[in-house]
Amino acid sequence: VKVTSPVKIVEVIPCNQTGDPKNVFELGTMAYFKVTINSTALIPQSTLITINLYDNASVTIGVASFQGPVLHGASTIIFGLPIQTSATAGTATVYANSYTNWPHLGGFPHCLEESATFEIEEP
């Protein structure tokens, strides 16, 4: 039996605070990430959306989340996270995930994660 979730992450894009694509962030500034979700369900789906940032040394530098109902059709959420001055400059990665609930509370993924790379630079 294959169970398919109606909620999918379409993409995650590094961006500015209004959602325009941006691929370079300086240490000590805010980075923003636009996550686009699509739901084919006719009723709102309880969903947890998370993003996790890793710097060039594969060290997590931030996590953000949204939990609530996702309506039918496409939705967009913009997350903002600070890039600490202690992060390692270079190519970094953001991962976006969609869950039914927090895994420690029995939640499971709605879909495969999406990721994108971006650059962290010295000021």
PDB file of N, CA and C in Angstrom:
ATOM      1  N   VAL A   1       0.851  -1.173   0.000  1.00  0.00           N
ATOM      2  CA  VAL A   1       0.000   0.000   0.000  1.00  0.00           C
ATOM      3  C   VAL A   1       0.894   1.234   0.000  1.00  0.00           C
ATOM      4  N   LYS A   2       0.677   2.120  -0.949  1.00  0.00           N
ATOM      5  CA  LYS A   2       1.437   3.355  -1.013  1.00  0.00           C
ATOM      6  C   LYS A   2       0.533   4.497  -0.583  1.00  0.00           C
ATOM      7  N   VAL A   3       0.979   5.260   0.422  1.00  0.00           N
ATOM      8  CA  VAL A   3       0.229   6.420   0.900  1.00  0.00           C
ATOM      9  C   VAL A   3       0.896   7.662   0.343  1.00  0.00           C
ATOM     10  N   THR A   4       0.123   8.502  -0.311  1.00  0.00           N
ATOM     11  CA  THR A   4       0.656   9.728  -0.884  1.00  0.00           C
ATOM     12  C   THR A   4       0.015  10.921  -0.199  1.00  0.00           C
ATOM     13  N   SER A   5       0.834  11.844   0.250  1.00  0.00           N
ATOM     14  CA  SER A   5       0.330  13.031   0.923  1.00  0.00           C
ATOM     15  C   SER A   5      -0.097  14.072  -0.103  1.00  0.00           C
ATOM     16  N   PRO A   6      -1.138  14.830   0.205  1.00  0.00           N
ATOM     17  CA  PRO A   6      -1.558  15.890  -0.709  1.00  0.00           C
ATOM     18  C   PRO A   6      -0.706  17.159  -0.597  1.00  0.00           C
ATOM     19  N   VAL A   7       0.190  17.232   0.398  1.00  0.00           N
ATOM     20  CA  VAL A   7       0.999  18.433   0.623  1.00  0.00           C
ATOM     21  C   VAL A   7       2.421  18.195   0.125  1.00  0.00           C
ATOM     22  N   LYS A   8       2.882  19.065  -0.759  1.00  0.00           N
ATOM     23  CA  LYS A   8       4.233  18.946  -1.314  1.00  0.00           C
ATOM     24  C   LYS A   8       4.955  20.287  -1.225  1.00  0.00           C
ATOM     25  N   ILE A   9       6.255  20.237  -0.945  1.00  0.00           N
ATOM     26  CA  ILE A   9       7.081  21.431  -1.062  1.00  0.00           C
ATOM     27  C   ILE A   9       7.482  21.530  -2.527  1.00  0.00           C
ATOM     28  N   VAL A  10       7.153  22.641  -3.140  1.00  0.00           N
ATOM     29  CA  VAL A  10       7.472  22.867  -4.544  1.00  0.00           C
ATOM     30  C   VAL A  10       8.920  23.328  -4.682  1.00  0.00           C
ATOM     31  N   GLU A  11       9.329  24.299  -3.841  1.00  0.00           N
ATOM     32  CA  GLU A  11      10.696  24.802  -3.896  1.00  0.00           C
ATOM     33  C   GLU A  11      11.027  25.617  -2.665  1.00  0.00           C
ATOM     34  N   VAL A  12      12.321  25.797  -2.452  1.00  0.00           N
ATOM     35  CA  VAL A  12      12.838  26.723  -1.452  1.00  0.00           C
ATOM     36  C   VAL A  12      13.877  27.587  -2.169  1.00  0.00           C
ATOM     37  N   ILE A  13      13.762  28.896  -1.989  1.00  0.00           N
ATOM     38  CA  ILE A  13      14.624  29.836  -2.697  1.00  0.00           C
ATOM     39  C   ILE A  13      15.209  30.840  -1.705  1.00  0.00           C
ATOM     40  N   PRO A  14      16.538  31.020  -1.686  1.00  0.00           N
ATOM     41  CA  PRO A  14      17.115  32.133  -0.925  1.00  0.00           C
ATOM     42  C   PRO A  14      16.601  33.442  -1.540  1.00  0.00           C
ATOM     43  N   CYS A  15      16.236  34.401  -0.689  1.00  0.00           N
ATOM     44  CA  CYS A  15      15.622  35.622  -1.212  1.00  0.00           C
ATOM     45  C   CYS A  15      15.861  36.796  -0.263  1.00  0.00           C
ATOM     46  N   ASN A  16      15.364  37.973  -0.672  1.00  0.00           N
ATOM     47  CA  ASN A  16      15.349  39.104   0.246  1.00  0.00           C
ATOM     48  C   ASN A  16      14.039  39.048   1.027  1.00  0.00           C
ATOM     49  N   GLN A  17      13.793  40.053   1.869  1.00  0.00           N
ATOM     50  CA  GLN A  17      12.619  39.983   2.747  1.00  0.00           C
ATOM     51  C   GLN A  17      11.283  40.092   2.017  1.00  0.00           C
ATOM     52  N   THR A  18      11.304  40.505   0.747  1.00  0.00           N
ATOM     53  CA  THR A  18      10.060  40.574  -0.017  1.00  0.00           C
ATOM     54  C   THR A  18       9.890  39.388  -0.965  1.00  0.00           C
ATOM     55  N   GLY A  19      10.860  38.450  -0.962  1.00  0.00           N
ATOM     56  CA  GLY A  19      10.732  37.240  -1.751  1.00  0.00           C
ATOM     57  C   GLY A  19      11.463  37.240  -3.078  1.00  0.00           C
ATOM     58  N   ASP A  20      12.157  38.341  -3.408  1.00  0.00           N
ATOM     59  CA  ASP A  20      12.942  38.368  -4.644  1.00  0.00           C
ATOM     60  C   ASP A  20      14.206  37.538  -4.459  1.00  0.00           C
ATOM     61  N   PRO A  21      14.580  36.718  -5.451  1.00  0.00           N
ATOM     62  CA  PRO A  21      15.760  35.854  -5.310  1.00  0.00           C
ATOM     63  C   PRO A  21      17.028  36.631  -4.928  1.00  0.00           C
ATOM     64  N   LYS A  22      17.799  36.043  -4.019  1.00  0.00           N
ATOM     65  CA  LYS A  22      19.063  36.620  -3.566  1.00  0.00           C
ATOM     66  C   LYS A  22      19.946  35.453  -3.174  1.00  0.00           C
ATOM     67  N   ASN A  23      21.159  35.394  -3.687  1.00  0.00           N
ATOM     68  CA  ASN A  23      22.011  34.228  -3.448  1.00  0.00           C
ATOM     69  C   ASN A  23      23.208  34.476  -2.565  1.00  0.00           C
ATOM     70  N   VAL A  24      23.410  35.718  -2.105  1.00  0.00           N
ATOM     71  CA  VAL A  24      24.570  36.021  -1.276  1.00  0.00           C
ATOM     72  C   VAL A  24      24.114  36.793  -0.041  1.00  0.00           C
ATOM     73  N   PHE A  25      24.553  36.333   1.133  1.00  0.00           N
ATOM     74  CA  PHE A  25      24.270  37.004   2.405  1.00  0.00           C
ATOM     75  C   PHE A  25      25.579  37.190   3.143  1.00  0.00           C
ATOM     76  N   GLU A  26      25.731  38.322   3.826  1.00  0.00           N
ATOM     77  CA  GLU A  26      26.940  38.578   4.607  1.00  0.00           C
ATOM     78  C   GLU A  26      26.776  38.047   6.021  1.00  0.00           C
ATOM     79  N   LEU A  27      27.906  37.656   6.612  1.00  0.00           N
ATOM     80  CA  LEU A  27      27.910  37.271   8.022  1.00  0.00           C
ATOM     81  C   LEU A  27      27.330  38.417   8.845  1.00  0.00           C
ATOM     82  N   GLY A  28      26.540  38.108   9.842  1.00  0.00           N
ATOM     83  CA  GLY A  28      25.965  39.121  10.720  1.00  0.00           C
ATOM     84  C   GLY A  28      24.701  39.778  10.183  1.00  0.00           C
ATOM     85  N   THR A  29      24.162  39.295   9.060  1.00  0.00           N
ATOM     86  CA  THR A  29      22.930  39.870   8.498  1.00  0.00           C
ATOM     87  C   THR A  29      21.810  38.836   8.522  1.00  0.00           C
ATOM     88  N   MET A  30      20.634  39.268   8.114  1.00  0.00           N
ATOM     89  CA  MET A  30      19.493  38.360   8.015  1.00  0.00           C
ATOM     90  C   MET A  30      19.463  37.723   6.630  1.00  0.00           C
ATOM     91  N   ALA A  31      19.148  36.443   6.601  1.00  0.00           N
ATOM     92  CA  ALA A  31      18.930  35.726   5.342  1.00  0.00           C
ATOM     93  C   ALA A  31      17.460  35.328   5.311  1.00  0.00           C
ATOM     94  N   TYR A  32      16.887  35.350   4.135  1.00  0.00           N
ATOM     95  CA  TYR A  32      15.478  35.004   3.973  1.00  0.00           C
ATOM     96  C   TYR A  32      15.346  33.858   2.974  1.00  0.00           C
ATOM     97  N   PHE A  33      14.298  33.054   3.163  1.00  0.00           N
ATOM     98  CA  PHE A  33      14.080  31.881   2.328  1.00  0.00           C
ATOM     99  C   PHE A  33      12.594  31.742   2.058  1.00  0.00           C
ATOM    100  N   LYS A  34      12.244  31.677   0.780  1.00  0.00           N
ATOM    101  CA  LYS A  34      10.852  31.546   0.369  1.00  0.00           C
ATOM    102  C   LYS A  34      10.567  30.070   0.100  1.00  0.00           C
ATOM    103  N   VAL A  35       9.598  29.529   0.826  1.00  0.00           N
ATOM    104  CA  VAL A  35       9.181  28.140   0.659  1.00  0.00           C
ATOM    105  C   VAL A  35       7.798  28.142   0.019  1.00  0.00           C
ATOM    106  N   THR A  36       7.680  27.467  -1.119  1.00  0.00           N
ATOM    107  CA  THR A  36       6.404  27.339  -1.802  1.00  0.00           C
ATOM    108  C   THR A  36       5.878  25.928  -1.595  1.00  0.00           C
ATOM    109  N   ILE A  37       4.613  25.853  -1.174  1.00  0.00           N
ATOM    110  CA  ILE A  37       3.961  24.582  -0.864  1.00  0.00           C
ATOM    111  C   ILE A  37       2.740  24.464  -1.771  1.00  0.00           C
ATOM    112  N   ASN A  38       2.394  23.256  -2.148  1.00  0.00           N
ATOM    113  CA  ASN A  38       1.167  23.021  -2.903  1.00  0.00           C
ATOM    114  C   ASN A  38       0.382  21.908  -2.220  1.00  0.00           C
ATOM    115  N   SER A  39      -0.906  22.168  -2.007  1.00  0.00           N
ATOM    116  CA  SER A  39      -1.795  21.159  -1.416  1.00  0.00           C
ATOM    117  C   SER A  39      -2.902  20.842  -2.405  1.00  0.00           C
ATOM    118  N   THR A  40      -3.070  19.562  -2.670  1.00  0.00           N
ATOM    119  CA  THR A  40      -4.166  19.117  -3.531  1.00  0.00           C
ATOM    120  C   THR A  40      -5.384  18.696  -2.714  1.00  0.00           C
ATOM    121  N   ALA A  41      -5.271  18.781  -1.388  1.00  0.00           N
ATOM    122  CA  ALA A  41      -6.390  18.410  -0.517  1.00  0.00           C
ATOM    123  C   ALA A  41      -7.495  19.458  -0.593  1.00  0.00           C
ATOM    124  N   LEU A  42      -8.737  19.012  -0.530  1.00  0.00           N
ATOM    125  CA  LEU A  42      -9.862  19.940  -0.586  1.00  0.00           C
ATOM    126  C   LEU A  42     -10.145  20.598   0.759  1.00  0.00           C
ATOM    127  N   ILE A  43      -9.634  19.995   1.845  1.00  0.00           N
ATOM    128  CA  ILE A  43      -9.799  20.588   3.174  1.00  0.00           C
ATOM    129  C   ILE A  43      -8.415  20.963   3.699  1.00  0.00           C
ATOM    130  N   PRO A  44      -8.324  21.976   4.590  1.00  0.00           N
ATOM    131  CA  PRO A  44      -7.022  22.381   5.123  1.00  0.00           C
ATOM    132  C   PRO A  44      -6.289  21.212   5.782  1.00  0.00           C
ATOM    133  N   GLN A  45      -4.986  21.126   5.548  1.00  0.00           N
ATOM    134  CA  GLN A  45      -4.153  20.065   6.094  1.00  0.00           C
ATOM    135  C   GLN A  45      -3.260  20.623   7.192  1.00  0.00           C
ATOM    136  N   SER A  46      -3.275  20.013   8.371  1.00  0.00           N
ATOM    137  CA  SER A  46      -2.370  20.404   9.437  1.00  0.00           C
ATOM    138  C   SER A  46      -0.949  20.074   8.992  1.00  0.00           C
ATOM    139  N   THR A  47      -0.092  21.084   8.961  1.00  0.00           N
ATOM    140  CA  THR A  47       1.241  20.923   8.390  1.00  0.00           C
ATOM    141  C   THR A  47       2.275  21.673   9.211  1.00  0.00           C
ATOM    142  N   LEU A  48       3.459  21.076   9.311  1.00  0.00           N
ATOM    143  CA  LEU A  48       4.616  21.707   9.932  1.00  0.00           C
ATOM    144  C   LEU A  48       5.653  21.897   8.829  1.00  0.00           C
ATOM    145  N   ILE A  49       6.035  23.141   8.569  1.00  0.00           N
ATOM    146  CA  ILE A  49       7.072  23.450   7.590  1.00  0.00           C
ATOM    147  C   ILE A  49       8.313  23.888   8.365  1.00  0.00           C
ATOM    148  N   THR A  50       9.453  23.281   8.058  1.00  0.00           N
ATOM    149  CA  THR A  50      10.700  23.660   8.725  1.00  0.00           C
ATOM    150  C   THR A  50      11.762  23.975   7.686  1.00  0.00           C
ATOM    151  N   ILE A  51      12.676  24.867   8.064  1.00  0.00           N
ATOM    152  CA  ILE A  51      13.890  25.063   7.277  1.00  0.00           C
ATOM    153  C   ILE A  51      15.070  24.934   8.225  1.00  0.00           C
ATOM    154  N   ASN A  52      16.157  24.421   7.705  1.00  0.00           N
ATOM    155  CA  ASN A  52      17.383  24.245   8.475  1.00  0.00           C
ATOM    156  C   ASN A  52      18.534  24.720   7.604  1.00  0.00           C
ATOM    157  N   LEU A  53      19.353  25.627   8.136  1.00  0.00           N
ATOM    158  CA  LEU A  53      20.488  26.177   7.399  1.00  0.00           C
ATOM    159  C   LEU A  53      21.780  25.547   7.875  1.00  0.00           C
ATOM    160  N   TYR A  54      22.626  25.204   6.918  1.00  0.00           N
ATOM    161  CA  TYR A  54      23.962  24.678   7.220  1.00  0.00           C
ATOM    162  C   TYR A  54      24.990  25.549   6.526  1.00  0.00           C
ATOM    163  N   ASP A  55      26.056  25.912   7.249  1.00  0.00           N
ATOM    164  CA  ASP A  55      27.106  26.723   6.644  1.00  0.00           C
ATOM    165  C   ASP A  55      28.061  25.865   5.826  1.00  0.00           C
ATOM    166  N   ASN A  56      29.154  26.461   5.354  1.00  0.00           N
ATOM    167  CA  ASN A  56      30.113  25.768   4.497  1.00  0.00           C
ATOM    168  C   ASN A  56      30.817  24.613   5.205  1.00  0.00           C
ATOM    169  N   ALA A  57      30.834  24.630   6.542  1.00  0.00           N
ATOM    170  CA  ALA A  57      31.456  23.555   7.324  1.00  0.00           C
ATOM    171  C   ALA A  57      30.421  22.498   7.727  1.00  0.00           C
ATOM    172  N   SER A  58      29.221  22.550   7.154  1.00  0.00           N
ATOM    173  CA  SER A  58      28.113  21.623   7.461  1.00  0.00           C
ATOM    174  C   SER A  58      27.656  21.707   8.909  1.00  0.00           C
ATOM    175  N   VAL A  59      27.771  22.901   9.497  1.00  0.00           N
ATOM    176  CA  VAL A  59      27.296  23.156  10.857  1.00  0.00           C
ATOM    177  C   VAL A  59      25.975  23.895  10.755  1.00  0.00           C
ATOM    178  N   THR A  60      24.965  23.430  11.505  1.00  0.00           N
ATOM    179  CA  THR A  60      23.669  24.107  11.454  1.00  0.00           C
ATOM    180  C   THR A  60      23.798  25.506  12.046  1.00  0.00           C
ATOM    181  N   ILE A  61      23.254  26.481  11.333  1.00  0.00           N
ATOM    182  CA  ILE A  61      23.345  27.865  11.798  1.00  0.00           C
ATOM    183  C   ILE A  61      21.975  28.466  12.078  1.00  0.00           C
ATOM    184  N   GLY A  62      20.924  27.686  11.889  1.00  0.00           N
ATOM    185  CA  GLY A  62      19.604  28.195  12.211  1.00  0.00           C
ATOM    186  C   GLY A  62      18.494  27.268  11.768  1.00  0.00           C
ATOM    187  N   VAL A  63      17.399  27.304  12.524  1.00  0.00           N
ATOM    188  CA  VAL A  63      16.204  26.517  12.224  1.00  0.00           C
ATOM    189  C   VAL A  63      14.999  27.432  12.433  1.00  0.00           C
ATOM    190  N   ALA A  64      14.032  27.346  11.526  1.00  0.00           N
ATOM    191  CA  ALA A  64      12.782  28.096  11.676  1.00  0.00           C
ATOM    192  C   ALA A  64      11.641  27.171  11.265  1.00  0.00           C
ATOM    193  N   SER A  65      10.434  27.469  11.784  1.00  0.00           N
ATOM    194  CA  SER A  65       9.304  26.604  11.461  1.00  0.00           C
ATOM    195  C   SER A  65       7.996  27.377  11.474  1.00  0.00           C
ATOM    196  N   PHE A  66       7.013  26.799  10.805  1.00  0.00           N
ATOM    197  CA  PHE A  66       5.629  27.274  10.807  1.00  0.00           C
ATOM    198  C   PHE A  66       4.760  26.042  10.962  1.00  0.00           C
ATOM    199  N   GLN A  67       3.771  26.105  11.855  1.00  0.00           N
ATOM    200  CA  GLN A  67       2.847  24.992  12.003  1.00  0.00           C
ATOM    201  C   GLN A  67       1.425  25.525  11.977  1.00  0.00           C
ATOM    202  N   GLY A  68       0.615  24.943  11.097  1.00  0.00           N
ATOM    203  CA  GLY A  68      -0.767  25.363  10.994  1.00  0.00           C
ATOM    204  C   GLY A  68      -1.424  24.749   9.779  1.00  0.00           C
ATOM    205  N   PRO A  69      -2.666  25.147   9.506  1.00  0.00           N
ATOM    206  CA  PRO A  69      -3.368  24.576   8.357  1.00  0.00           C
ATOM    207  C   PRO A  69      -2.843  25.137   7.043  1.00  0.00           C
ATOM    208  N   VAL A  70      -2.717  24.260   6.050  1.00  0.00           N
ATOM    209  CA  VAL A  70      -2.352  24.666   4.703  1.00  0.00           C
ATOM    210  C   VAL A  70      -3.584  24.471   3.831  1.00  0.00           C
ATOM    211  N   LEU A  71      -3.985  25.525   3.159  1.00  0.00           N
ATOM    212  CA  LEU A  71      -5.189  25.490   2.329  1.00  0.00           C
ATOM    213  C   LEU A  71      -4.907  24.880   0.966  1.00  0.00           C
ATOM    214  N   HIS A  72      -5.961  24.528   0.261  1.00  0.00           N
ATOM    215  CA  HIS A  72      -5.878  23.984  -1.096  1.00  0.00           C
ATOM    216  C   HIS A  72      -5.159  24.983  -2.009  1.00  0.00           C
ATOM    217  N   GLY A  73      -4.281  24.470  -2.857  1.00  0.00           N
ATOM    218  CA  GLY A  73      -3.563  25.310  -3.808  1.00  0.00           C
ATOM    219  C   GLY A  73      -2.160  25.640  -3.322  1.00  0.00           C
ATOM    220  N   ALA A  74      -1.568  26.638  -3.965  1.00  0.00           N
ATOM    221  CA  ALA A  74      -0.194  27.036  -3.651  1.00  0.00           C
ATOM    222  C   ALA A  74      -0.173  28.059  -2.520  1.00  0.00           C
ATOM    223  N   SER A  75       0.795  27.912  -1.624  1.00  0.00           N
ATOM    224  CA  SER A  75       1.033  28.848  -0.527  1.00  0.00           C
ATOM    225  C   SER A  75       2.518  29.161  -0.481  1.00  0.00           C
ATOM    226  N   THR A  76       2.847  30.356  -0.013  1.00  0.00           N
ATOM    227  CA  THR A  76       4.248  30.753   0.111  1.00  0.00           C
ATOM    228  C   THR A  76       4.490  31.284   1.511  1.00  0.00           C
ATOM    229  N   ILE A  77       5.592  30.870   2.102  1.00  0.00           N
ATOM    230  CA  ILE A  77       6.011  31.352   3.416  1.00  0.00           C
ATOM    231  C   ILE A  77       7.430  31.871   3.263  1.00  0.00           C
ATOM    232  N   ILE A  78       7.711  33.056   3.822  1.00  0.00           N
ATOM    233  CA  ILE A  78       9.079  33.571   3.830  1.00  0.00           C
ATOM    234  C   ILE A  78       9.586  33.512   5.263  1.00  0.00           C
ATOM    235  N   PHE A  79      10.682  32.766   5.438  1.00  0.00           N
ATOM    236  CA  PHE A  79      11.338  32.639   6.739  1.00  0.00           C
ATOM    237  C   PHE A  79      12.556  33.554   6.769  1.00  0.00           C
ATOM    238  N   GLY A  80      12.841  34.142   7.911  1.00  0.00           N
ATOM    239  CA  GLY A  80      14.050  34.940   8.087  1.00  0.00           C
ATOM    240  C   GLY A  80      14.880  34.374   9.224  1.00  0.00           C
ATOM    241  N   LEU A  81      16.170  34.240   8.988  1.00  0.00           N
ATOM    242  CA  LEU A  81      17.092  33.754  10.016  1.00  0.00           C
ATOM    243  C   LEU A  81      18.379  34.564   9.982  1.00  0.00           C
ATOM    244  N   PRO A  82      18.948  34.859  11.153  1.00  0.00           N
ATOM    245  CA  PRO A  82      20.220  35.570  11.163  1.00  0.00           C
ATOM    246  C   PRO A  82      21.381  34.647  10.788  1.00  0.00           C
ATOM    247  N   ILE A  83      22.338  35.195  10.063  1.00  0.00           N
ATOM    248  CA  ILE A  83      23.580  34.482   9.766  1.00  0.00           C
ATOM    249  C   ILE A  83      24.589  34.970  10.806  1.00  0.00           C
ATOM    250  N   GLN A  84      24.868  34.135  11.797  1.00  0.00           N
ATOM    251  CA  GLN A  84      25.763  34.534  12.874  1.00  0.00           C
ATOM    252  C   GLN A  84      27.167  34.823  12.332  1.00  0.00           C
ATOM    253  N   THR A  85      27.861  35.719  13.012  1.00  0.00           N
ATOM    254  CA  THR A  85      29.228  36.055  12.598  1.00  0.00           C
ATOM    255  C   THR A  85      30.174  34.876  12.797  1.00  0.00           C
ATOM    256  N   SER A  86      29.767  33.879  13.569  1.00  0.00           N
ATOM    257  CA  SER A  86      30.604  32.697  13.791  1.00  0.00           C
ATOM    258  C   SER A  86      30.433  31.637  12.702  1.00  0.00           C
ATOM    259  N   ALA A  87      29.506  31.842  11.771  1.00  0.00           N
ATOM    260  CA  ALA A  87      29.290  30.877  10.688  1.00  0.00           C
ATOM    261  C   ALA A  87      30.502  30.876   9.752  1.00  0.00           C
ATOM    262  N   THR A  88      30.696  29.769   9.061  1.00  0.00           N
ATOM    263  CA  THR A  88      31.799  29.636   8.110  1.00  0.00           C
ATOM    264  C   THR A  88      31.352  30.153   6.748  1.00  0.00           C
ATOM    265  N   ALA A  89      32.110  31.110   6.209  1.00  0.00           N
ATOM    266  CA  ALA A  89      31.796  31.678   4.899  1.00  0.00           C
ATOM    267  C   ALA A  89      31.979  30.621   3.812  1.00  0.00           C
ATOM    268  N   GLY A  90      31.298  30.829   2.687  1.00  0.00           N
ATOM    269  CA  GLY A  90      31.377  29.911   1.555  1.00  0.00           C
ATOM    270  C   GLY A  90      29.987  29.432   1.172  1.00  0.00           C
ATOM    271  N   THR A  91      29.931  28.323   0.461  1.00  0.00           N
ATOM    272  CA  THR A  91      28.648  27.783   0.005  1.00  0.00           C
ATOM    273  C   THR A  91      27.898  27.149   1.171  1.00  0.00           C
ATOM    274  N   ALA A  92      26.663  27.575   1.366  1.00  0.00           N
ATOM    275  CA  ALA A  92      25.807  27.074   2.441  1.00  0.00           C
ATOM    276  C   ALA A  92      24.571  26.428   1.805  1.00  0.00           C
ATOM    277  N   THR A  93      23.829  25.670   2.619  1.00  0.00           N
ATOM    278  CA  THR A  93      22.654  24.962   2.117  1.00  0.00           C
ATOM    279  C   THR A  93      21.473  25.173   3.053  1.00  0.00           C
ATOM    280  N   VAL A  94      20.292  25.342   2.472  1.00  0.00           N
ATOM    281  CA  VAL A  94      19.044  25.391   3.226  1.00  0.00           C
ATOM    282  C   VAL A  94      18.213  24.181   2.809  1.00  0.00           C
ATOM    283  N   TYR A  95      17.622  23.514   3.804  1.00  0.00           N
ATOM    284  CA  TYR A  95      16.745  22.365   3.574  1.00  0.00           C
ATOM    285  C   TYR A  95      15.359  22.728   4.074  1.00  0.00           C
ATOM    286  N   ALA A  96      14.344  22.452   3.274  1.00  0.00           N
ATOM    287  CA  ALA A  96      12.949  22.691   3.667  1.00  0.00           C
ATOM    288  C   ALA A  96      12.227  21.356   3.751  1.00  0.00           C
ATOM    289  N   ASN A  97      11.459  21.172   4.825  1.00  0.00           N
ATOM    290  CA  ASN A  97      10.719  19.930   5.048  1.00  0.00           C
ATOM    291  C   ASN A  97       9.273  20.230   5.409  1.00  0.00           C
ATOM    292  N   SER A  98       8.407  19.288   5.101  1.00  0.00           N
ATOM    293  CA  SER A  98       6.993  19.386   5.427  1.00  0.00           C
ATOM    294  C   SER A  98       6.595  18.112   6.179  1.00  0.00           C
ATOM    295  N   TYR A  99       6.053  18.283   7.386  1.00  0.00           N
ATOM    296  CA  TYR A  99       5.662  17.151   8.231  1.00  0.00           C
ATOM    297  C   TYR A  99       4.201  17.274   8.640  1.00  0.00           C
ATOM    298  N   THR A 100       3.635  16.159   9.070  1.00  0.00           N
ATOM    299  CA  THR A 100       2.288  16.176   9.639  1.00  0.00           C
ATOM    300  C   THR A 100       2.303  16.766  11.049  1.00  0.00           C
ATOM    301  N   ASN A 101       3.434  16.614  11.747  1.00  0.00           N
ATOM    302  CA  ASN A 101       3.644  17.144  13.092  1.00  0.00           C
ATOM    303  C   ASN A 101       5.124  16.959  13.395  1.00  0.00           C
ATOM    304  N   TRP A 102       5.565  17.445  14.528  1.00  0.00           N
ATOM    305  CA  TRP A 102       6.951  17.240  14.924  1.00  0.00           C
ATOM    306  C   TRP A 102       7.224  15.744  15.021  1.00  0.00           C
ATOM    307  N   PRO A 103       8.342  15.271  14.483  1.00  0.00           N
ATOM    308  CA  PRO A 103       8.637  13.829  14.530  1.00  0.00           C
ATOM    309  C   PRO A 103       8.603  13.238  15.932  1.00  0.00           C
ATOM    310  N   HIS A 104       9.076  13.989  16.936  1.00  0.00           N
ATOM    311  CA  HIS A 104       9.058  13.442  18.304  1.00  0.00           C
ATOM    312  C   HIS A 104       7.634  13.300  18.847  1.00  0.00           C
ATOM    313  N   LEU A 105       6.660  13.907  18.141  1.00  0.00           N
ATOM    314  CA  LEU A 105       5.254  13.761  18.520  1.00  0.00           C
ATOM    315  C   LEU A 105       4.517  12.801  17.591  1.00  0.00           C
ATOM    316  N   GLY A 106       5.270  12.027  16.830  1.00  0.00           N
ATOM    317  CA  GLY A 106       4.673  11.037  15.950  1.00  0.00           C
ATOM    318  C   GLY A 106       4.418  11.513  14.529  1.00  0.00           C
ATOM    319  N   GLY A 107       4.869  12.732  14.216  1.00  0.00           N
ATOM    320  CA  GLY A 107       4.679  13.253  12.868  1.00  0.00           C
ATOM    321  C   GLY A 107       5.584  12.555  11.869  1.00  0.00           C
ATOM    322  N   PHE A 108       5.179  12.618  10.612  1.00  0.00           N
ATOM    323  CA  PHE A 108       5.981  12.021   9.546  1.00  0.00           C
ATOM    324  C   PHE A 108       5.997  12.981   8.357  1.00  0.00           C
ATOM    325  N   PRO A 109       6.962  12.825   7.445  1.00  0.00           N
ATOM    326  CA  PRO A 109       7.066  13.750   6.316  1.00  0.00           C
ATOM    327  C   PRO A 109       5.871  13.642   5.371  1.00  0.00           C
ATOM    328  N   HIS A 110       5.419  14.802   4.892  1.00  0.00           N
ATOM    329  CA  HIS A 110       4.413  14.835   3.835  1.00  0.00           C
ATOM    330  C   HIS A 110       5.052  14.493   2.490  1.00  0.00           C
ATOM    331  N   CYS A 111       6.337  14.850   2.329  1.00  0.00           N
ATOM    332  CA  CYS A 111       6.992  14.706   1.031  1.00  0.00           C
ATOM    333  C   CYS A 111       8.509  14.714   1.238  1.00  0.00           C
ATOM    334  N   LEU A 112       9.238  14.534   0.155  1.00  0.00           N
ATOM    335  CA  LEU A 112      10.693  14.631   0.211  1.00  0.00           C
ATOM    336  C   LEU A 112      11.090  16.082   0.474  1.00  0.00           C
ATOM    337  N   GLU A 113      12.257  16.269   1.126  1.00  0.00           N
ATOM    338  CA  GLU A 113      12.721  17.624   1.385  1.00  0.00           C
ATOM    339  C   GLU A 113      13.218  18.268   0.099  1.00  0.00           C
ATOM    340  N   GLU A 114      13.224  19.588   0.101  1.00  0.00           N
ATOM    341  CA  GLU A 114      13.802  20.369  -0.989  1.00  0.00           C
ATOM    342  C   GLU A 114      14.974  21.155  -0.414  1.00  0.00           C
ATOM    343  N   SER A 115      15.944  21.466  -1.250  1.00  0.00           N
ATOM    344  CA  SER A 115      17.098  22.218  -0.776  1.00  0.00           C
ATOM    345  C   SER A 115      17.559  23.215  -1.822  1.00  0.00           C
ATOM    346  N   ALA A 116      18.373  24.161  -1.380  1.00  0.00           N
ATOM    347  CA  ALA A 116      18.975  25.149  -2.265  1.00  0.00           C
ATOM    348  C   ALA A 116      20.293  25.580  -1.646  1.00  0.00           C
ATOM    349  N   THR A 117      21.219  26.017  -2.472  1.00  0.00           N
ATOM    350  CA  THR A 117      22.484  26.531  -1.975  1.00  0.00           C
ATOM    351  C   THR A 117      22.521  28.043  -2.124  1.00  0.00           C
ATOM    352  N   PHE A 118      23.360  28.670  -1.308  1.00  0.00           N
ATOM    353  CA  PHE A 118      23.563  30.109  -1.344  1.00  0.00           C
ATOM    354  C   PHE A 118      24.953  30.393  -0.807  1.00  0.00           C
ATOM    355  N   GLU A 119      25.416  31.612  -0.934  1.00  0.00           N
ATOM    356  CA  GLU A 119      26.754  31.979  -0.486  1.00  0.00           C
ATOM    357  C   GLU A 119      26.685  32.847   0.771  1.00  0.00           C
ATOM    358  N   ILE A 120      27.604  32.564   1.692  1.00  0.00           N
ATOM    359  CA  ILE A 120      27.804  33.418   2.868  1.00  0.00           C
ATOM    360  C   ILE A 120      29.161  34.079   2.669  1.00  0.00           C
ATOM    361  N   GLU A 121      29.189  35.414   2.792  1.00  0.00           N
ATOM    362  CA  GLU A 121      30.419  36.164   2.577  1.00  0.00           C
ATOM    363  C   GLU A 121      30.818  36.946   3.810  1.00  0.00           C
ATOM    364  N   GLU A 122      32.109  37.232   3.899  1.00  0.00           N
ATOM    365  CA  GLU A 122      32.612  38.129   4.930  1.00  0.00           C
ATOM    366  C   GLU A 122      32.075  39.539   4.637  1.00  0.00           C
ATOM    367  N   PRO A 123      31.829  40.333   5.671  1.00  0.00           N
ATOM    368  CA  PRO A 123      31.337  41.715   5.427  1.00  0.00           C
ATOM    369  C   PRO A 123      32.394  42.591   4.760  1.00  0.00           C
TER     370      PRO A 123
END
